[in-house]
Full PDB file with SEQRES, HELIX, SHEET, SSBOND, CRYST1, ORIGX, SCALE, CONECT and MASTER records, all heavy atoms in Angstrom:
SEQRES   1 A   41  GLY SER GLY ARG THR PHE SER GLY LEU ALA MET GLY TRP          
SEQRES   2 A   41  PHE ARG GLN ALA PRO GLY LYS ASN ARG GLU ASN VAL ALA          
SEQRES   3 A   41  ALA ILE ASN TRP SER GLY THR ARG THR ILE TYR THR ASN          
SEQRES   4 A   41  THR VAL                                                      
HELIX    1 AA1 PHE A    6  GLY A    8  5                                   3    
SHEET    1 AA1 3 MET A  11  ARG A  15  0                                        
SHEET    2 AA1 3 GLU A  23  ILE A  28 -1                                        
SHEET    3 AA1 3 THR A  35  TYR A  37 -1                                        
CRYST1    1.000    1.000    1.000  90.00  90.00  90.00 P 1           1          
ORIGX1      1.000000  0.000000  0.000000        0.00000                         
ORIGX2      0.000000  1.000000  0.000000        0.00000                         
ORIGX3      0.000000  0.000000  1.000000        0.00000                         
SCALE1      1.000000  0.000000  0.000000        0.00000                         
SCALE2      0.000000  1.000000  0.000000        0.00000                         
SCALE3      0.000000  0.000000  1.000000        0.00000                         
ATOM      1  N   GLY A   1     169.982 160.825  81.427  1.00  0.00           N  
ATOM      2  CA  GLY A   1     168.607 160.582  81.031  1.00  0.00           C  
ATOM      3  C   GLY A   1     168.301 161.096  79.643  1.00  0.00           C  
ATOM      4  O   GLY A   1     168.932 162.023  79.152  1.00  0.00           O  
ATOM      5  N   SER A   2     167.334 160.480  79.036  1.00  0.00           N  
ATOM      6  CA  SER A   2     166.835 160.943  77.754  1.00  0.00           C  
ATOM      7  C   SER A   2     165.336 161.167  77.884  1.00  0.00           C  
ATOM      8  O   SER A   2     164.665 160.530  78.708  1.00  0.00           O  
ATOM      9  CB  SER A   2     167.139 159.944  76.645  1.00  0.00           C  
ATOM     10  OG  SER A   2     166.498 158.694  76.886  1.00  0.00           O  
ATOM     11  N   GLY A   3     164.825 162.061  77.080  1.00  0.00           N  
ATOM     12  CA  GLY A   3     163.427 162.409  77.173  1.00  0.00           C  
ATOM     13  C   GLY A   3     163.264 163.843  77.632  1.00  0.00           C  
ATOM     14  O   GLY A   3     163.966 164.302  78.527  1.00  0.00           O  
ATOM     15  N   ARG A   4     162.357 164.528  77.044  1.00  0.00           N  
ATOM     16  CA  ARG A   4     162.190 165.945  77.323  1.00  0.00           C  
ATOM     17  C   ARG A   4     161.584 166.234  78.687  1.00  0.00           C  
ATOM     18  O   ARG A   4     161.595 167.380  79.133  1.00  0.00           O  
ATOM     19  CB  ARG A   4     161.329 166.584  76.226  1.00  0.00           C  
ATOM     20  CG  ARG A   4     161.955 166.518  74.842  1.00  0.00           C  
ATOM     21  CD  ARG A   4     161.091 167.208  73.814  1.00  0.00           C  
ATOM     22  NE  ARG A   4     160.985 168.627  74.053  1.00  0.00           N  
ATOM     23  CZ  ARG A   4     161.902 169.531  73.702  1.00  0.00           C  
ATOM     24  NH1 ARG A   4     163.007 169.130  73.078  1.00  0.00           N  
ATOM     25  NH2 ARG A   4     161.711 170.804  73.958  1.00  0.00           N  
ATOM     26  N   THR A   5     161.070 165.220  79.360  1.00  0.00           N  
ATOM     27  CA  THR A   5     160.475 165.422  80.666  1.00  0.00           C  
ATOM     28  C   THR A   5     161.452 165.301  81.818  1.00  0.00           C  
ATOM     29  O   THR A   5     161.073 165.468  82.969  1.00  0.00           O  
ATOM     30  CB  THR A   5     159.327 164.419  80.898  1.00  0.00           C  
ATOM     31  OG1 THR A   5     159.837 163.082  80.820  1.00  0.00           O  
ATOM     32  CG2 THR A   5     158.236 164.603  79.857  1.00  0.00           C  
ATOM     33  N   PHE A   6     162.716 165.020  81.532  1.00  0.00           N  
ATOM     34  CA  PHE A   6     163.703 164.795  82.572  1.00  0.00           C  
ATOM     35  C   PHE A   6     163.758 165.930  83.590  1.00  0.00           C  
ATOM     36  O   PHE A   6     163.767 165.693  84.799  1.00  0.00           O  
ATOM     37  CB  PHE A   6     165.091 164.579  81.963  1.00  0.00           C  
ATOM     38  CG  PHE A   6     166.177 164.389  82.977  1.00  0.00           C  
ATOM     39  CD1 PHE A   6     166.457 163.127  83.478  1.00  0.00           C  
ATOM     40  CD2 PHE A   6     166.922 165.471  83.438  1.00  0.00           C  
ATOM     41  CE1 PHE A   6     167.462 162.939  84.419  1.00  0.00           C  
ATOM     42  CE2 PHE A   6     167.927 165.300  84.377  1.00  0.00           C  
ATOM     43  CZ  PHE A   6     168.192 164.026  84.864  1.00  0.00           C  
ATOM     44  N   SER A   7     163.823 167.152  83.121  1.00  0.00           N  
ATOM     45  CA  SER A   7     164.003 168.283  84.015  1.00  0.00           C  
ATOM     46  C   SER A   7     162.824 168.488  84.959  1.00  0.00           C  
ATOM     47  O   SER A   7     162.967 169.168  85.975  1.00  0.00           O  
ATOM     48  CB  SER A   7     164.250 169.568  83.214  1.00  0.00           C  
ATOM     49  OG  SER A   7     163.136 169.881  82.399  1.00  0.00           O  
ATOM     50  N   GLY A   8     161.695 167.927  84.658  1.00  0.00           N  
ATOM     51  CA  GLY A   8     160.528 168.070  85.500  1.00  0.00           C  
ATOM     52  C   GLY A   8     160.349 166.955  86.520  1.00  0.00           C  
ATOM     53  O   GLY A   8     159.373 166.952  87.265  1.00  0.00           O  
ATOM     54  N   LEU A   9     161.288 166.026  86.555  1.00  0.00           N  
ATOM     55  CA  LEU A   9     161.178 164.868  87.425  1.00  0.00           C  
ATOM     56  C   LEU A   9     162.133 164.931  88.604  1.00  0.00           C  
ATOM     57  O   LEU A   9     163.252 165.419  88.485  1.00  0.00           O  
ATOM     58  CB  LEU A   9     161.456 163.593  86.632  1.00  0.00           C  
ATOM     59  CG  LEU A   9     160.469 163.237  85.522  1.00  0.00           C  
ATOM     60  CD1 LEU A   9     161.014 162.078  84.704  1.00  0.00           C  
ATOM     61  CD2 LEU A   9     159.116 162.877  86.120  1.00  0.00           C  
ATOM     62  N   ALA A  10     161.676 164.410  89.713  1.00  0.00           N  
ATOM     63  CA  ALA A  10     162.564 164.177  90.837  1.00  0.00           C  
ATOM     64  C   ALA A  10     163.415 162.955  90.528  1.00  0.00           C  
ATOM     65  O   ALA A  10     162.989 162.061  89.787  1.00  0.00           O  
ATOM     66  CB  ALA A  10     161.760 163.961  92.110  1.00  0.00           C  
ATOM     67  N   MET A  11     164.612 162.912  91.094  1.00  0.00           N  
ATOM     68  CA  MET A  11     165.533 161.812  90.838  1.00  0.00           C  
ATOM     69  C   MET A  11     166.003 161.213  92.146  1.00  0.00           C  
ATOM     70  O   MET A  11     166.195 161.924  93.133  1.00  0.00           O  
ATOM     71  CB  MET A  11     166.742 162.284  90.034  1.00  0.00           C  
ATOM     72  CG  MET A  11     166.408 162.872  88.673  1.00  0.00           C  
ATOM     73  SD  MET A  11     165.746 161.622  87.527  1.00  0.00           S  
ATOM     74  CE  MET A  11     167.169 160.518  87.400  1.00  0.00           C  
ATOM     75  N   GLY A  12     166.207 159.932  92.128  1.00  0.00           N  
ATOM     76  CA  GLY A  12     166.692 159.255  93.315  1.00  0.00           C  
ATOM     77  C   GLY A  12     167.812 158.288  92.995  1.00  0.00           C  
ATOM     78  O   GLY A  12     167.915 157.778  91.877  1.00  0.00           O  
ATOM     79  N   TRP A  13     168.660 158.084  93.977  1.00  0.00           N  
ATOM     80  CA  TRP A  13     169.692 157.061  93.897  1.00  0.00           C  
ATOM     81  C   TRP A  13     169.354 155.956  94.892  1.00  0.00           C  
ATOM     82  O   TRP A  13     169.066 156.235  96.062  1.00  0.00           O  
ATOM     83  CB  TRP A  13     171.074 157.631  94.210  1.00  0.00           C  
ATOM     84  CG  TRP A  13     171.676 158.396  93.075  1.00  0.00           C  
ATOM     85  CD1 TRP A  13     171.710 159.738  92.902  1.00  0.00           C  
ATOM     86  CD2 TRP A  13     172.349 157.822  91.942  1.00  0.00           C  
ATOM     87  NE1 TRP A  13     172.360 160.061  91.741  1.00  0.00           N  
ATOM     88  CE2 TRP A  13     172.764 158.904  91.130  1.00  0.00           C  
ATOM     89  CE3 TRP A  13     172.635 156.516  91.533  1.00  0.00           C  
ATOM     90  CZ2 TRP A  13     173.453 158.707  89.932  1.00  0.00           C  
ATOM     91  CZ3 TRP A  13     173.319 156.323  90.348  1.00  0.00           C  
ATOM     92  CH2 TRP A  13     173.710 157.413  89.564  1.00  0.00           C  
ATOM     93  N   PHE A  14     169.394 154.751  94.413  1.00  0.00           N  
ATOM     94  CA  PHE A  14     169.134 153.575  95.228  1.00  0.00           C  
ATOM     95  C   PHE A  14     170.325 152.645  95.147  1.00  0.00           C  
ATOM     96  O   PHE A  14     171.107 152.713  94.203  1.00  0.00           O  
ATOM     97  CB  PHE A  14     167.882 152.835  94.740  1.00  0.00           C  
ATOM     98  CG  PHE A  14     166.608 153.605  94.893  1.00  0.00           C  
ATOM     99  CD1 PHE A  14     166.301 154.649  94.034  1.00  0.00           C  
ATOM    100  CD2 PHE A  14     165.696 153.278  95.889  1.00  0.00           C  
ATOM    101  CE1 PHE A  14     165.118 155.361  94.154  1.00  0.00           C  
ATOM    102  CE2 PHE A  14     164.500 153.979  96.022  1.00  0.00           C  
ATOM    103  CZ  PHE A  14     164.220 155.021  95.161  1.00  0.00           C  
ATOM    104  N   ARG A  15     170.452 151.784  96.115  1.00  0.00           N  
ATOM    105  CA  ARG A  15     171.512 150.795  96.050  1.00  0.00           C  
ATOM    106  C   ARG A  15     171.017 149.472  96.614  1.00  0.00           C  
ATOM    107  O   ARG A  15     170.137 149.436  97.470  1.00  0.00           O  
ATOM    108  CB  ARG A  15     172.767 151.249  96.795  1.00  0.00           C  
ATOM    109  CG  ARG A  15     172.613 151.350  98.304  1.00  0.00           C  
ATOM    110  CD  ARG A  15     173.882 151.911  98.918  1.00  0.00           C  
ATOM    111  NE  ARG A  15     173.802 151.983 100.372  1.00  0.00           N  
ATOM    112  CZ  ARG A  15     174.724 152.558 101.143  1.00  0.00           C  
ATOM    113  NH1 ARG A  15     175.803 153.102 100.591  1.00  0.00           N  
ATOM    114  NH2 ARG A  15     174.565 152.577 102.461  1.00  0.00           N  
ATOM    115  N   GLN A  16     171.604 148.410  96.114  1.00  0.00           N  
ATOM    116  CA  GLN A  16     171.260 147.086  96.595  1.00  0.00           C  
ATOM    117  C   GLN A  16     172.536 146.272  96.744  1.00  0.00           C  
ATOM    118  O   GLN A  16     173.254 146.037  95.770  1.00  0.00           O  
ATOM    119  CB  GLN A  16     170.296 146.381  95.656  1.00  0.00           C  
ATOM    120  CG  GLN A  16     169.764 145.073  96.216  1.00  0.00           C  
ATOM    121  CD  GLN A  16     168.519 144.593  95.500  1.00  0.00           C  
ATOM    122  OE1 GLN A  16     168.305 144.900  94.326  1.00  0.00           O  
ATOM    123  NE2 GLN A  16     167.683 143.851  96.203  1.00  0.00           N  
ATOM    124  N   ALA A  17     172.801 145.866  97.963  1.00  0.00           N  
ATOM    125  CA  ALA A  17     173.956 145.042  98.270  1.00  0.00           C  
ATOM    126  C   ALA A  17     173.527 143.587  98.329  1.00  0.00           C  
ATOM    127  O   ALA A  17     172.354 143.281  98.549  1.00  0.00           O  
ATOM    128  CB  ALA A  17     174.572 145.473  99.598  1.00  0.00           C  
ATOM    129  N   PRO A  18     174.469 142.669  98.147  1.00  0.00           N  
ATOM    130  CA  PRO A  18     174.128 141.247  98.207  1.00  0.00           C  
ATOM    131  C   PRO A  18     173.447 140.867  99.513  1.00  0.00           C  
ATOM    132  O   PRO A  18     173.921 141.210 100.591  1.00  0.00           O  
ATOM    133  CB  PRO A  18     175.490 140.558  98.083  1.00  0.00           C  
ATOM    134  CG  PRO A  18     176.326 141.525  97.320  1.00  0.00           C  
ATOM    135  CD  PRO A  18     175.894 142.875  97.822  1.00  0.00           C  
ATOM    136  N   GLY A  19     172.322 140.196  99.403  1.00  0.00           N  
ATOM    137  CA  GLY A  19     171.603 139.756 100.574  1.00  0.00           C  
ATOM    138  C   GLY A  19     170.815 140.821 101.300  1.00  0.00           C  
ATOM    139  O   GLY A  19     170.255 140.558 102.366  1.00  0.00           O  
ATOM    140  N   LYS A  20     170.776 142.022 100.746  1.00  0.00           N  
ATOM    141  CA  LYS A  20     170.063 143.104 101.389  1.00  0.00           C  
ATOM    142  C   LYS A  20     168.994 143.675 100.470  1.00  0.00           C  
ATOM    143  O   LYS A  20     169.049 143.505  99.256  1.00  0.00           O  
ATOM    144  CB  LYS A  20     171.027 144.219 101.806  1.00  0.00           C  
ATOM    145  CG  LYS A  20     172.044 143.810 102.856  1.00  0.00           C  
ATOM    146  CD  LYS A  20     172.891 144.981 103.283  1.00  0.00           C  
ATOM    147  CE  LYS A  20     173.878 144.586 104.362  1.00  0.00           C  
ATOM    148  NZ  LYS A  20     174.709 145.750 104.794  1.00  0.00           N  
ATOM    149  N   ASN A  21     168.038 144.342 101.073  1.00  0.00           N  
ATOM    150  CA  ASN A  21     166.986 144.983 100.303  1.00  0.00           C  
ATOM    151  C   ASN A  21     167.500 146.262  99.647  1.00  0.00           C  
ATOM    152  O   ASN A  21     168.470 146.869 100.113  1.00  0.00           O  
ATOM    153  CB  ASN A  21     165.791 145.316 101.195  1.00  0.00           C  
ATOM    154  CG  ASN A  21     165.090 144.097 101.721  1.00  0.00           C  
ATOM    155  OD1 ASN A  21     164.971 143.086 101.026  1.00  0.00           O  
ATOM    156  ND2 ASN A  21     164.589 144.185 102.948  1.00  0.00           N  
ATOM    157  N   ARG A  22     166.844 146.659  98.597  1.00  0.00           N  
ATOM    158  CA  ARG A  22     167.190 147.906  97.951  1.00  0.00           C  
ATOM    159  C   ARG A  22     166.824 149.065  98.872  1.00  0.00           C  
ATOM    160  O   ARG A  22     165.763 149.074  99.485  1.00  0.00           O  
ATOM    161  CB  ARG A  22     166.447 148.029  96.623  1.00  0.00           C  
ATOM    162  CG  ARG A  22     166.721 149.310  95.866  1.00  0.00           C  
ATOM    163  CD  ARG A  22     165.993 149.314  94.528  1.00  0.00           C  
ATOM    164  NE  ARG A  22     166.542 148.311  93.624  1.00  0.00           N  
ATOM    165  CZ  ARG A  22     166.048 148.061  92.412  1.00  0.00           C  
ATOM    166  NH1 ARG A  22     164.991 148.738  91.971  1.00  0.00           N  
ATOM    167  NH2 ARG A  22     166.599 147.135  91.656  1.00  0.00           N  
ATOM    168  N   GLU A  23     167.722 150.031  98.986  1.00  0.00           N  
ATOM    169  CA  GLU A  23     167.462 151.180  99.825  1.00  0.00           C  
ATOM    170  C   GLU A  23     167.645 152.477  99.051  1.00  0.00           C  
ATOM    171  O   GLU A  23     168.465 152.567  98.144  1.00  0.00           O  
ATOM    172  CB  GLU A  23     168.368 151.179 101.062  1.00  0.00           C  
ATOM    173  CG  GLU A  23     169.846 151.322 100.765  1.00  0.00           C  
ATOM    174  CD  GLU A  23     170.681 151.473 102.018  1.00  0.00           C  
ATOM    175  OE1 GLU A  23     170.148 151.932 103.053  1.00  0.00           O  
ATOM    176  OE2 GLU A  23     171.887 151.140 101.977  1.00  0.00           O  
ATOM    177  N   ASN A  24     166.871 153.465  99.441  1.00  0.00           N  
ATOM    178  CA  ASN A  24     166.964 154.788  98.836  1.00  0.00           C  
ATOM    179  C   ASN A  24     168.085 155.550  99.518  1.00  0.00           C  
ATOM    180  O   ASN A  24     167.990 155.879 100.698  1.00  0.00           O  
ATOM    181  CB  ASN A  24     165.628 155.513  98.987  1.00  0.00           C  
ATOM    182  CG  ASN A  24     165.576 156.852  98.274  1.00  0.00           C  
ATOM    183  OD1 ASN A  24     164.737 157.680  98.582  1.00  0.00           O  
ATOM    184  ND2 ASN A  24     166.453 157.062  97.302  1.00  0.00           N  
ATOM    185  N   VAL A  25     169.136 155.827  98.778  1.00  0.00           N  
ATOM    186  CA  VAL A  25     170.306 156.494  99.326  1.00  0.00           C  
ATOM    187  C   VAL A  25     170.129 158.004  99.360  1.00  0.00           C  
ATOM    188  O   VAL A  25     170.458 158.661 100.353  1.00  0.00           O  
ATOM    189  CB  VAL A  25     171.561 156.127  98.512  1.00  0.00           C  
ATOM    190  CG1 VAL A  25     172.769 156.910  99.002  1.00  0.00           C  
ATOM    191  CG2 VAL A  25     171.813 154.625  98.604  1.00  0.00           C  
ATOM    192  N   ALA A  26     169.634 158.557  98.272  1.00  0.00           N  
ATOM    193  CA  ALA A  26     169.495 160.000  98.156  1.00  0.00           C  
ATOM    194  C   ALA A  26     168.430 160.331  97.124  1.00  0.00           C  
ATOM    195  O   ALA A  26     168.080 159.511  96.278  1.00  0.00           O  
ATOM    196  CB  ALA A  26     170.829 160.643  97.762  1.00  0.00           C  
ATOM    197  N   ALA A  27     167.928 161.548  97.203  1.00  0.00           N  
ATOM    198  CA  ALA A  27     166.955 162.012  96.229  1.00  0.00           C  
ATOM    199  C   ALA A  27     167.083 163.514  96.074  1.00  0.00           C  
ATOM    200  O   ALA A  27     167.546 164.208  96.975  1.00  0.00           O  
ATOM    201  CB  ALA A  27     165.539 161.635  96.656  1.00  0.00           C  
ATOM    202  N   ILE A  28     166.643 164.006  94.927  1.00  0.00           N  
ATOM    203  CA  ILE A  28     166.723 165.421  94.623  1.00  0.00           C  
ATOM    204  C   ILE A  28     165.493 165.812  93.816  1.00  0.00           C  
ATOM    205  O   ILE A  28     165.040 165.064  92.956  1.00  0.00           O  
ATOM    206  CB  ILE A  28     168.036 165.736  93.866  1.00  0.00           C  
ATOM    207  CG1 ILE A  28     168.220 167.238  93.669  1.00  0.00           C  
ATOM    208  CG2 ILE A  28     168.086 164.988  92.537  1.00  0.00           C  
ATOM    209  CD1 ILE A  28     169.632 167.592  93.197  1.00  0.00           C  
ATOM    210  N   ASN A  29     164.948 166.973  94.122  1.00  0.00           N  
ATOM    211  CA  ASN A  29     163.756 167.395  93.410  1.00  0.00           C  
ATOM    212  C   ASN A  29     164.097 167.917  92.015  1.00  0.00           C  
ATOM    213  O   ASN A  29     165.270 167.986  91.633  1.00  0.00           O  
ATOM    214  CB  ASN A  29     162.977 168.436  94.224  1.00  0.00           C  
ATOM    215  CG  ASN A  29     163.653 169.800  94.270  1.00  0.00           C  
ATOM    216  OD1 ASN A  29     164.856 169.920  94.080  1.00  0.00           O  
ATOM    217  ND2 ASN A  29     162.851 170.834  94.527  1.00  0.00           N  
ATOM    218  N   TRP A  30     163.087 168.295  91.278  1.00  0.00           N  
ATOM    219  CA  TRP A  30     163.284 168.647  89.863  1.00  0.00           C  
ATOM    220  C   TRP A  30     164.229 169.816  89.645  1.00  0.00           C  
ATOM    221  O   TRP A  30     164.955 169.856  88.647  1.00  0.00           O  
ATOM    222  CB  TRP A  30     161.931 168.943  89.204  1.00  0.00           C  
ATOM    223  CG  TRP A  30     161.301 170.229  89.666  1.00  0.00           C  
ATOM    224  CD1 TRP A  30     160.476 170.414  90.731  1.00  0.00           C  
ATOM    225  CD2 TRP A  30     161.461 171.520  89.054  1.00  0.00           C  
ATOM    226  NE1 TRP A  30     160.106 171.738  90.834  1.00  0.00           N  
ATOM    227  CE2 TRP A  30     160.693 172.434  89.814  1.00  0.00           C  
ATOM    228  CE3 TRP A  30     162.159 171.992  87.942  1.00  0.00           C  
ATOM    229  CZ2 TRP A  30     160.627 173.793  89.504  1.00  0.00           C  
ATOM    230  CZ3 TRP A  30     162.093 173.341  87.633  1.00  0.00           C  
ATOM    231  CH2 TRP A  30     161.330 174.217  88.406  1.00  0.00           C  
ATOM    232  N   SER A  31     164.214 170.778  90.544  1.00  0.00           N  
ATOM    233  CA  SER A  31     165.035 171.975  90.374  1.00  0.00           C  
ATOM    234  C   SER A  31     166.393 171.871  91.060  1.00  0.00           C  
ATOM    235  O   SER A  31     167.233 172.746  90.879  1.00  0.00           O  
ATOM    236  CB  SER A  31     164.292 173.197  90.904  1.00  0.00           C  
ATOM    237  OG  SER A  31     164.062 173.087  92.296  1.00  0.00           O  
ATOM    238  N   GLY A  32     166.589 170.829  91.854  1.00  0.00           N  
ATOM    239  CA  GLY A  32     167.837 170.668  92.569  1.00  0.00           C  
ATOM    240  C   GLY A  32     167.930 171.473  93.849  1.00  0.00           C  
ATOM    241  O   GLY A  32     169.009 171.574  94.444  1.00  0.00           O  
ATOM    242  N   THR A  33     166.824 172.026  94.297  1.00  0.00           N  
ATOM    243  CA  THR A  33     166.832 172.867  95.495  1.00  0.00           C  
ATOM    244  C   THR A  33     166.589 172.091  96.783  1.00  0.00           C  
ATOM    245  O   THR A  33     166.788 172.636  97.868  1.00  0.00           O  
ATOM    246  CB  THR A  33     165.783 173.975  95.377  1.00  0.00           C  
ATOM    247  OG1 THR A  33     164.488 173.401  95.170  1.00  0.00           O  
ATOM    248  CG2 THR A  33     166.106 174.901  94.205  1.00  0.00           C  
ATOM    249  N   ARG A  34     166.158 170.861  96.674  1.00  0.00           N  
ATOM    250  CA  ARG A  34     165.903 170.043  97.847  1.00  0.00           C  
ATOM    251  C   ARG A  34     166.513 168.669  97.668  1.00  0.00           C  
ATOM    252  O   ARG A  34     166.400 168.063  96.605  1.00  0.00           O  
ATOM    253  CB  ARG A  34     164.407 169.929  98.117  1.00  0.00           C  
ATOM    254  CG  ARG A  34     163.742 171.278  98.374  1.00  0.00           C  
ATOM    255  CD  ARG A  34     162.306 171.115  98.817  1.00  0.00           C  
ATOM    256  NE  ARG A  34     161.644 172.406  98.945  1.00  0.00           N  
ATOM    257  CZ  ARG A  34     161.777 173.229  99.970  1.00  0.00           C  
ATOM    258  NH1 ARG A  34     162.568 172.895 100.984  1.00  0.00           N  
ATOM    259  NH2 ARG A  34     161.134 174.385  99.990  1.00  0.00           N  
ATOM    260  N   THR A  35     167.137 168.189  98.723  1.00  0.00           N  
ATOM    261  CA  THR A  35     167.762 166.872  98.702  1.00  0.00           C  
ATOM    262  C   THR A  35     167.502 166.149 100.015  1.00  0.00           C  
ATOM    263  O   THR A  35     167.274 166.772 101.051  1.00  0.00           O  
ATOM    264  CB  THR A  35     169.279 166.961  98.488  1.00  0.00           C  
ATOM    265  OG1 THR A  35     169.866 167.759  99.527  1.00  0.00           O  
ATOM    266  CG2 THR A  35     169.606 167.590  97.140  1.00  0.00           C  
ATOM    267  N   ILE A  36     167.539 164.840  99.959  1.00  0.00           N  
ATOM    268  CA  ILE A  36     167.433 164.017 101.155  1.00  0.00           C  
ATOM    269  C   ILE A  36     168.453 162.895 101.061  1.00  0.00           C  
ATOM    270  O   ILE A  36     168.869 162.500  99.965  1.00  0.00           O  
ATOM    271  CB  ILE A  36     166.022 163.429 101.347  1.00  0.00           C  
ATOM    272  CG1 ILE A  36     165.635 162.542 100.155  1.00  0.00           C  
ATOM    273  CG2 ILE A  36     164.993 164.530 101.560  1.00  0.00           C  
ATOM    274  CD1 ILE A  36     164.412 161.687 100.401  1.00  0.00           C  
ATOM    275  N   TYR A  37     168.852 162.388 102.221  1.00  0.00           N  
ATOM    276  CA  TYR A  37     169.823 161.309 102.290  1.00  0.00           C  
ATOM    277  C   TYR A  37     169.445 160.346 103.390  1.00  0.00           C  
ATOM    278  O   TYR A  37     168.886 160.730 104.417  1.00  0.00           O  
ATOM    279  CB  TYR A  37     171.224 161.853 102.588  1.00  0.00           C  
ATOM    280  CG  TYR A  37     171.724 162.842 101.582  1.00  0.00           C  
ATOM    281  CD1 TYR A  37     171.527 164.209 101.771  1.00  0.00           C  
ATOM    282  CD2 TYR A  37     172.398 162.422 100.445  1.00  0.00           C  
ATOM    283  CE1 TYR A  37     171.983 165.128 100.843  1.00  0.00           C  
ATOM    284  CE2 TYR A  37     172.858 163.333  99.511  1.00  0.00           C  
ATOM    285  CZ  TYR A  37     172.648 164.688  99.722  1.00  0.00           C  
ATOM    286  OH  TYR A  37     173.103 165.589  98.795  1.00  0.00           O  
ATOM    287  N   THR A  38     169.770 159.102 103.181  1.00  0.00           N  
ATOM    288  CA  THR A  38     169.607 158.138 104.247  1.00  0.00           C  
ATOM    289  C   THR A  38     170.691 158.398 105.291  1.00  0.00           C  
ATOM    290  O   THR A  38     171.775 158.897 104.979  1.00  0.00           O  
ATOM    291  CB  THR A  38     169.678 156.697 103.709  1.00  0.00           C  
ATOM    292  OG1 THR A  38     169.252 155.779 104.720  1.00  0.00           O  
ATOM    293  CG2 THR A  38     171.089 156.339 103.285  1.00  0.00           C  
ATOM    294  N   ASN A  39     170.408 158.078 106.527  1.00  0.00           N  
ATOM    295  CA  ASN A  39     171.292 158.424 107.631  1.00  0.00           C  
ATOM    296  C   ASN A  39     172.721 157.911 107.469  1.00  0.00           C  
ATOM    297  O   ASN A  39     173.680 158.587 107.858  1.00  0.00           O  
ATOM    298  CB  ASN A  39     170.719 157.919 108.952  1.00  0.00           C  
ATOM    299  CG  ASN A  39     169.499 158.682 109.408  1.00  0.00           C  
ATOM    300  OD1 ASN A  39     168.659 158.143 110.129  1.00  0.00           O  
ATOM    301  ND2 ASN A  39     169.375 159.938 108.995  1.00  0.00           N  
ATOM    302  N   THR A  40     172.886 156.753 106.904  1.00  0.00           N  
ATOM    303  CA  THR A  40     174.207 156.150 106.814  1.00  0.00           C  
ATOM    304  C   THR A  40     175.144 156.854 105.839  1.00  0.00           C  
ATOM    305  O   THR A  40     176.351 156.632 105.881  1.00  0.00           O  
ATOM    306  CB  THR A  40     174.109 154.666 106.424  1.00  0.00           C  
ATOM    307  OG1 THR A  40     173.365 154.536 105.211  1.00  0.00           O  
ATOM    308  CG2 THR A  40     173.408 153.880 107.527  1.00  0.00           C  
ATOM    309  N   VAL A  41     174.615 157.701 104.973  1.00  0.00           N  
ATOM    310  CA  VAL A  41     175.464 158.386 104.003  1.00  0.00           C  
ATOM    311  C   VAL A  41     175.510 159.892 104.204  1.00  0.00           C  
ATOM    312  O   VAL A  41     176.253 160.584 103.497  1.00  0.00           O  
ATOM    313  CB  VAL A  41     175.042 158.077 102.552  1.00  0.00           C  
ATOM    314  CG1 VAL A  41     174.947 156.572 102.336  1.00  0.00           C  
ATOM    315  CG2 VAL A  41     173.722 158.760 102.213  1.00  0.00           C  
TER     316      VAL A  41                                                      
MASTER        0    0    0    1    3    0    0    6  315    1    0    4          
END                                                                             
């Protein structure tokens, strides 16, 4: 990422497979102390 606000933002990983909707795979808060994952991963 670029931009000075990066460290203050939560980040997420999404994926989209052919013929499927985009899904949220994982996310992490600004400090990296909290994470979530979709059940399949």
